Amino acid sequence: MKRNILAICDLEVAYASHFMEHMNQRKNLPFEVQAFTNLGQLEQFVVKQRVEILLISERALESRVSNWNIGQIIVLAEGMGKKSEGYPTVSKYQSSDSVIREVMAVYAAENRQAVPTAAVKKDAKVIGIYSPVGRCLKTSFALTLAQILSKDRAVLYLNLESYSGFEQLFHVTYDRTLSDLIYYMRKEKSNLLYRLNGTVQTMYNLDYIPPVPFPQDIASVELEEWLLLLDVIRRQSEYELAVIDMGDGVEDICPLLEQCHHIFMPMKNDFVSLAKIEQFEKLMEVWNGQKVLERIQKIKLPYYSVTTGREQFLQQLVWSEFGDFVRTLIRNERL
């Protein structure tokens, strides 16, 4: 089954070409992107094939476009105007990733009955990272694993910790986070795939959903909501793998771990850490979590030292001895 078409029409050839090339390299986008540099080219195309989303610059927009076989028209605004010919707008002068996030958010809001049309694929596999032991390099491992896997696969990293520290660690401010995605899930369950794609950020080729800014946002999520989100990622998205970094703020951790095909548990060998793991294993037995226990692989991670600033933190992980350890693990486990 072919993917729906997202077309960009801009009189600036370089802009349109760059946008199409960049978007078609993204592994998560549920659209095929086509670029046009004049309305004549676009008109010839829509006669033969429907365009689900048209992203068109203000200078290229003409009234006749409204009569064409196009599902949603969104205007690339060059100024501060709120509307152009009555169509929703996104700012043209920002990164391509920011543009597409806004486009997906607009499309989800304006097309409540839209059904994603994606290429036939296998369900995404879920890799869980969890440990009852603190300060065991769990998140460093999850980020490194997801980065290395994302070089050849379409991977989504999802952090479910109460305190991720991502904004402080990477010096960024997120306009949409996992909290917003959860809010939209509760408000309206249609178009969650587009809501998800409107939230995803990319760093060093790794797609991730920015974590919650408030701990209570994790604690308030019901199991059914986590399962719904995972179902969208596994069955509807273009991702092949989801790496889920789980924290103790998640309630009902056992049924959530049951959704994972493989579970890595970083550990330490001191008496307190071993006692915590033993307690967790006994609880799994009480909760009939035998399948979870069978999928868990305990790992002792090597320590690493950061030699430069935070900005290079992720890249240092990948190319350090820590990264070499993860590569070996990936080969051994045939991930």
Protein backbone atom coordinates (compact mmCIF):
# COMPACT_ATOMS: atom_id res chain seq x y z
CA MET A 1 0.00 0.00 0.00
CA LYS A 2 1.40 3.39 -0.99
CA ARG A 3 1.79 6.23 1.45
CA ASN A 4 -0.25 9.40 1.15
CA ILE A 5 1.37 12.35 -0.60
CA LEU A 6 2.62 15.45 1.17
CA ALA A 7 3.47 18.06 -1.48
CA ILE A 8 5.46 21.23 -1.04
CA CYS A 9 5.09 24.02 -3.59
CA ASP A 10 7.54 26.90 -3.29
CA LEU A 11 8.90 29.25 -5.94
CA GLU A 12 12.33 28.99 -4.28
CA VAL A 13 13.79 25.89 -5.94
CA ALA A 14 16.48 25.36 -3.32
CA TYR A 15 13.98 25.49 -0.44
CA ALA A 16 11.53 23.05 -2.01
CA SER A 17 14.25 20.60 -3.05
CA HIS A 18 16.00 20.68 0.32
CA PHE A 19 12.71 20.15 2.17
CA MET A 20 11.75 17.15 0.02
CA GLU A 21 15.19 15.57 0.33
CA HIS A 22 15.34 16.05 4.09
CA MET A 23 11.80 14.78 4.70
CA ASN A 24 12.21 11.68 2.53
CA GLN A 25 15.29 10.76 4.58
CA ARG A 26 13.22 10.72 7.76
CA LYS A 27 12.28 7.21 8.77
CA ASN A 28 9.11 8.02 10.71
CA LEU A 29 7.11 10.21 8.33
CA PRO A 30 3.89 8.48 7.18
CA PHE A 31 3.90 10.44 3.90
CA GLU A 32 5.76 10.46 0.63
CA VAL A 33 7.04 13.99 -0.02
CA GLN A 34 6.93 15.57 -3.48
CA ALA A 35 8.32 19.02 -4.34
CA PHE A 36 7.05 21.49 -6.94
CA THR A 37 8.42 24.89 -7.89
CA ASN A 38 5.40 26.24 -9.81
CA LEU A 39 1.64 25.72 -9.86
CA GLY A 40 1.70 24.24 -13.36
CA GLN A 41 3.74 21.26 -12.22
CA LEU A 42 1.50 20.78 -9.18
CA GLU A 43 -1.70 21.00 -11.24
CA GLN A 44 -0.50 18.29 -13.62
CA PHE A 45 0.32 16.06 -10.65
CA VAL A 46 -3.00 16.42 -8.79
CA VAL A 47 -4.94 15.56 -11.95
CA LYS A 48 -3.46 12.06 -11.72
CA GLN A 49 -3.00 11.62 -7.98
CA ARG A 50 -4.53 12.99 -4.82
CA VAL A 51 -2.37 15.12 -2.53
CA GLU A 52 -3.30 14.62 1.10
CA ILE A 53 -1.36 17.63 2.41
CA LEU A 54 -0.18 20.62 0.37
CA LEU A 55 2.39 22.87 1.99
CA ILE A 56 2.46 25.97 -0.22
CA SER A 57 4.30 29.28 0.08
CA GLU A 58 2.36 32.54 0.25
CA ARG A 59 3.82 33.74 -3.04
CA ALA A 60 2.80 30.54 -4.86
CA LEU A 61 -0.75 30.39 -3.49
CA GLU A 62 -3.62 31.19 -5.88
CA SER A 63 -7.37 30.82 -5.42
CA ARG A 64 -7.64 28.04 -8.03
CA VAL A 65 -5.71 25.68 -5.75
CA SER A 66 -8.82 25.24 -3.61
CA ASN A 67 -10.54 23.41 -6.50
CA TRP A 68 -7.87 20.75 -6.84
CA ASN A 69 -7.78 17.20 -5.44
CA ILE A 70 -6.10 18.16 -2.16
CA GLY A 71 -7.07 17.08 1.33
CA GLN A 72 -5.45 19.79 3.46
CA ILE A 73 -3.81 23.05 2.39
CA ILE A 74 -1.31 24.64 4.78
CA VAL A 75 0.43 27.89 3.90
CA LEU A 76 4.14 28.51 4.43
CA ALA A 77 4.00 31.97 5.97
CA GLU A 78 6.90 34.34 5.35
CA GLY A 79 5.59 37.01 7.71
CA MET A 80 3.60 37.13 10.92
CA GLY A 81 0.14 36.70 9.41
CA LYS A 82 -2.20 34.36 11.25
CA LYS A 83 -4.14 33.24 8.18
CA SER A 84 -3.66 33.29 4.41
CA GLU A 85 -6.79 32.90 2.27
CA GLY A 86 -8.42 31.29 5.29
CA TYR A 87 -5.88 28.44 5.44
CA PRO A 88 -3.84 27.48 8.50
CA THR A 89 -0.21 28.60 8.38
CA VAL A 90 3.21 27.52 9.60
CA SER A 91 6.29 29.67 9.62
CA LYS A 92 8.57 29.08 6.65
CA TYR A 93 11.76 30.31 8.24
CA GLN A 94 12.53 27.57 10.72
CA SER A 95 14.14 24.15 10.50
CA SER A 96 12.54 21.52 8.28
CA ASP A 97 11.96 19.33 11.34
CA SER A 98 10.13 22.17 13.09
CA VAL A 99 8.03 22.79 9.99
CA ILE A 100 6.94 19.17 9.73
CA ARG A 101 6.10 19.00 13.45
CA GLU A 102 3.79 21.99 13.04
CA VAL A 103 2.30 20.53 9.86
CA MET A 104 1.50 17.23 11.61
CA ALA A 105 -0.07 19.10 14.53
CA VAL A 106 -2.23 21.20 12.20
CA TYR A 107 -3.24 18.18 10.13
CA ALA A 108 -4.25 16.20 13.22
CA ALA A 109 -6.33 19.11 14.52
CA GLU A 110 -8.06 19.87 11.22
CA ASN A 111 -8.66 16.30 10.01
CA ARG A 112 -10.19 14.35 12.87
CA GLN A 113 -11.36 11.47 10.73
CA ALA A 114 -8.11 11.02 8.80
CA VAL A 115 -6.80 7.48 8.67
CA PRO A 116 -3.07 6.96 8.13
CA THR A 117 -2.15 5.12 4.97
CA ALA A 118 1.23 3.45 5.44
CA ALA A 119 3.24 0.86 3.64
CA VAL A 120 2.62 -2.68 4.81
CA LYS A 121 5.15 -3.47 7.52
CA LYS A 122 5.68 -5.69 10.50
CA ASP A 123 4.75 -4.36 13.91
CA ALA A 124 7.55 -2.45 15.58
CA LYS A 125 9.43 -4.36 18.25
CA VAL A 126 9.70 -2.87 21.72
CA ILE A 127 12.92 -2.96 23.73
CA GLY A 128 12.45 -2.09 27.39
CA ILE A 129 15.14 -0.70 29.67
CA TYR A 130 14.30 -0.95 33.35
CA SER A 131 16.03 -1.42 36.68
CA PRO A 132 14.97 -1.08 40.32
CA VAL A 133 18.57 -0.03 40.99
CA GLY A 134 19.42 3.67 40.95
CA ARG A 135 22.46 5.32 39.32
CA CYS A 136 23.19 2.26 37.21
CA LEU A 137 23.64 4.18 33.89
CA LYS A 138 20.21 3.06 32.69
CA THR A 139 19.40 6.17 30.64
CA SER A 140 22.92 6.44 29.25
CA PHE A 141 22.57 2.85 28.07
CA ALA A 142 19.09 3.41 26.59
CA LEU A 143 20.22 6.51 24.67
CA THR A 144 23.34 4.78 23.37
CA LEU A 145 21.42 1.68 22.34
CA ALA A 146 18.78 3.75 20.52
CA GLN A 147 21.39 5.89 18.76
CA ILE A 148 23.40 2.96 17.47
CA LEU A 149 20.31 1.06 16.32
CA SER A 150 18.96 4.19 14.58
CA LYS A 151 21.87 4.27 12.14
CA ASP A 152 20.32 1.38 10.22
CA ARG A 153 16.76 1.16 11.53
CA ALA A 154 13.83 3.48 12.15
CA VAL A 155 13.99 3.83 15.95
CA LEU A 156 11.93 5.85 18.43
CA TYR A 157 13.29 6.54 21.93
CA LEU A 158 10.71 7.12 24.65
CA ASN A 159 11.70 8.20 28.17
CA LEU A 160 9.15 7.40 30.90
CA GLU A 161 11.12 8.74 33.87
CA SER A 162 9.73 11.27 36.33
CA TYR A 163 12.94 13.31 36.06
CA SER A 164 14.75 13.02 32.72
CA GLY A 165 16.71 16.28 32.86
CA PHE A 166 16.69 16.49 29.06
CA GLU A 167 16.13 20.25 28.77
CA GLN A 168 19.01 20.90 31.16
CA LEU A 169 21.25 18.24 29.65
CA PHE A 170 20.83 19.26 26.01
CA HIS A 171 20.17 23.00 26.53
CA VAL A 172 16.84 22.92 24.67
CA THR A 173 13.29 24.06 25.37
CA TYR A 174 10.50 21.88 24.01
CA ASP A 175 7.23 23.33 22.75
CA ARG A 176 5.60 19.88 22.77
CA THR A 177 6.37 16.97 25.09
CA LEU A 178 5.04 13.58 26.11
CA SER A 179 2.69 15.46 28.45
CA ASP A 180 1.01 17.14 25.46
CA LEU A 181 0.70 13.81 23.67
CA ILE A 182 -0.96 12.27 26.73
CA TYR A 183 -3.34 15.24 26.90
CA TYR A 184 -4.37 14.76 23.26
CA MET A 185 -4.84 11.02 23.86
CA ARG A 186 -7.30 11.76 26.64
CA LYS A 187 -9.11 14.45 24.66
CA GLU A 188 -9.40 12.65 21.36
CA LYS A 189 -8.15 9.23 20.32
CA SER A 190 -8.26 9.81 16.56
CA ASN A 191 -5.17 10.91 14.64
CA LEU A 192 -2.77 9.92 17.41
CA LEU A 193 -0.15 8.99 14.82
CA TYR A 194 -0.07 12.56 13.51
CA ARG A 195 -0.08 13.94 17.04
CA LEU A 196 2.88 11.69 17.77
CA ASN A 197 4.75 12.83 14.65
CA GLY A 198 4.01 16.41 15.62
CA THR A 199 5.79 15.83 18.92
CA VAL A 200 8.85 13.85 17.81
CA GLN A 201 12.23 15.60 17.91
CA THR A 202 15.42 14.44 16.20
CA MET A 203 18.94 14.56 17.62
CA TYR A 204 21.93 12.94 15.88
CA ASN A 205 19.59 10.91 13.67
CA LEU A 206 17.68 9.64 16.70
CA ASP A 207 13.94 10.32 16.94
CA TYR A 208 12.58 10.81 20.43
CA ILE A 209 9.54 12.18 22.21
CA PRO A 210 10.59 14.92 24.67
CA PRO A 211 9.94 13.61 28.20
CA VAL A 212 7.40 15.05 30.62
CA PRO A 213 8.42 18.26 32.43
CA PHE A 214 6.48 17.39 35.61
CA PRO A 215 6.77 14.09 37.57
CA GLN A 216 3.03 13.94 38.23
CA ASP A 217 2.41 13.70 34.48
CA ILE A 218 4.00 10.24 34.51
CA ALA A 219 2.28 9.08 37.69
CA SER A 220 -1.16 10.09 36.38
CA VAL A 221 -1.03 7.98 33.20
CA GLU A 222 -3.26 4.91 33.29
CA LEU A 223 -2.08 1.56 31.97
CA GLU A 224 -4.65 1.68 29.15
CA GLU A 225 -3.14 4.97 27.97
CA TRP A 226 0.38 3.55 27.84
CA LEU A 227 -0.91 0.53 25.95
CA LEU A 228 -2.72 2.77 23.45
CA LEU A 229 0.41 4.82 22.83
CA LEU A 230 2.50 1.69 22.34
CA ASP A 231 -0.11 0.29 19.98
CA VAL A 232 0.07 3.41 17.79
CA ILE A 233 3.87 3.20 17.71
CA ARG A 234 3.92 -0.52 16.98
CA ARG A 235 1.10 -0.84 14.46
CA GLN A 236 0.62 2.56 12.78
CA SER A 237 3.99 4.32 12.77
CA GLU A 238 6.88 3.83 10.38
CA TYR A 239 9.19 2.83 13.23
CA GLU A 240 10.78 -0.61 13.32
CA LEU A 241 11.96 -0.41 16.93
CA ALA A 242 10.88 1.46 20.03
CA VAL A 243 13.36 1.81 22.90
CA ILE A 244 11.43 2.51 26.11
CA ASP A 245 13.42 3.91 29.05
CA MET A 246 11.21 3.13 32.06
CA GLY A 247 11.36 4.70 35.49
CA ASP A 248 9.75 3.90 38.82
CA GLY A 249 7.21 6.69 38.35
CA VAL A 250 5.25 4.39 36.03
CA GLU A 251 2.52 2.47 37.81
CA ASP A 252 1.62 -1.04 36.66
CA ILE A 253 5.18 -1.64 35.50
CA CYS A 254 4.64 -5.39 35.08
CA PRO A 255 1.98 -5.25 32.31
CA LEU A 256 3.98 -2.53 30.58
CA LEU A 257 7.10 -4.69 30.63
CA GLU A 258 5.03 -7.53 29.20
CA GLN A 259 4.68 -5.46 26.01
CA CYS A 260 8.45 -5.60 25.48
CA HIS A 261 10.06 -8.19 23.23
CA HIS A 262 13.38 -7.79 25.02
CA ILE A 263 14.20 -6.21 28.40
CA PHE A 264 17.62 -5.02 29.57
CA MET A 265 18.16 -4.50 33.28
CA PRO A 266 21.33 -2.58 34.21
CA MET A 267 22.56 -3.63 37.63
CA LYS A 268 25.33 -3.25 40.19
CA ASN A 269 26.87 -5.93 42.38
CA ASP A 270 26.70 -4.29 45.80
CA PHE A 271 24.49 -5.90 48.45
CA VAL A 272 21.81 -3.16 48.37
CA SER A 273 21.44 -3.30 44.58
CA LEU A 274 21.22 -7.09 44.58
CA ALA A 275 18.60 -6.95 47.32
CA LYS A 276 16.47 -4.54 45.26
CA ILE A 277 16.65 -6.82 42.23
CA GLU A 278 15.70 -9.82 44.38
CA GLN A 279 12.68 -7.90 45.70
CA PHE A 280 11.64 -6.99 42.14
CA GLU A 281 11.89 -10.61 41.03
CA LYS A 282 9.73 -11.78 43.93
CA LEU A 283 7.12 -9.16 43.08
CA MET A 284 7.10 -10.36 39.47
CA GLU A 285 6.33 -13.86 40.70
CA VAL A 286 3.49 -12.54 42.86
CA TRP A 287 2.12 -10.57 39.88
CA ASN A 288 2.37 -13.59 37.56
CA GLY A 289 5.14 -11.86 35.65
CA GLN A 290 7.03 -14.99 34.65
CA LYS A 291 7.11 -13.88 31.00
CA VAL A 292 8.75 -10.64 32.08
CA LEU A 293 11.42 -12.45 34.07
CA GLU A 294 12.18 -14.69 31.09
CA ARG A 295 12.77 -11.68 28.82
CA ILE A 296 15.04 -9.79 31.21
CA GLN A 297 18.76 -9.73 30.55
CA LYS A 298 20.80 -8.30 33.39
CA ILE A 299 23.82 -6.25 32.32
CA LYS A 300 26.72 -4.67 34.19
CA LEU A 301 27.64 -1.50 32.34
CA PRO A 302 31.15 -0.06 32.10
CA TYR A 303 31.63 3.43 33.49
CA TYR A 304 32.65 6.27 31.20
CA SER A 305 33.97 9.80 31.65
CA VAL A 306 32.75 12.90 29.78
CA THR A 307 35.75 14.81 28.44
CA THR A 308 33.95 17.72 26.73
CA GLY A 309 30.74 19.66 27.27
CA ARG A 310 27.16 18.47 27.47
CA GLU A 311 26.54 19.29 23.82
CA GLN A 312 28.69 16.34 22.73
CA PHE A 313 27.44 14.02 25.45
CA LEU A 314 25.44 11.70 23.19
CA GLN A 315 28.19 11.41 20.60
CA GLN A 316 30.75 10.68 23.28
CA LEU A 317 28.61 7.82 24.53
CA VAL A 318 28.41 6.27 21.08
CA TRP A 319 32.13 6.44 20.32
CA SER A 320 33.48 5.59 23.78
CA GLU A 321 34.22 2.21 25.33
CA PHE A 322 30.65 2.42 26.59
CA GLY A 323 29.45 2.53 22.98
CA ASP A 324 31.71 -0.40 22.08
CA PHE A 325 30.09 -2.40 24.87
CA VAL A 326 26.62 -1.64 23.49
CA ARG A 327 27.66 -2.56 19.92
CA THR A 328 28.93 -5.91 21.15
CA LEU A 329 25.68 -6.47 23.02
CA ILE A 330 23.66 -5.64 19.90
CA ARG A 331 25.65 -8.16 17.86
CA ASN A 332 25.42 -10.86 20.50
CA GLU A 333 21.67 -10.42 20.96
CA ARG A 334 21.08 -9.98 17.20
CA LEU A 335 19.07 -6.84 17.76
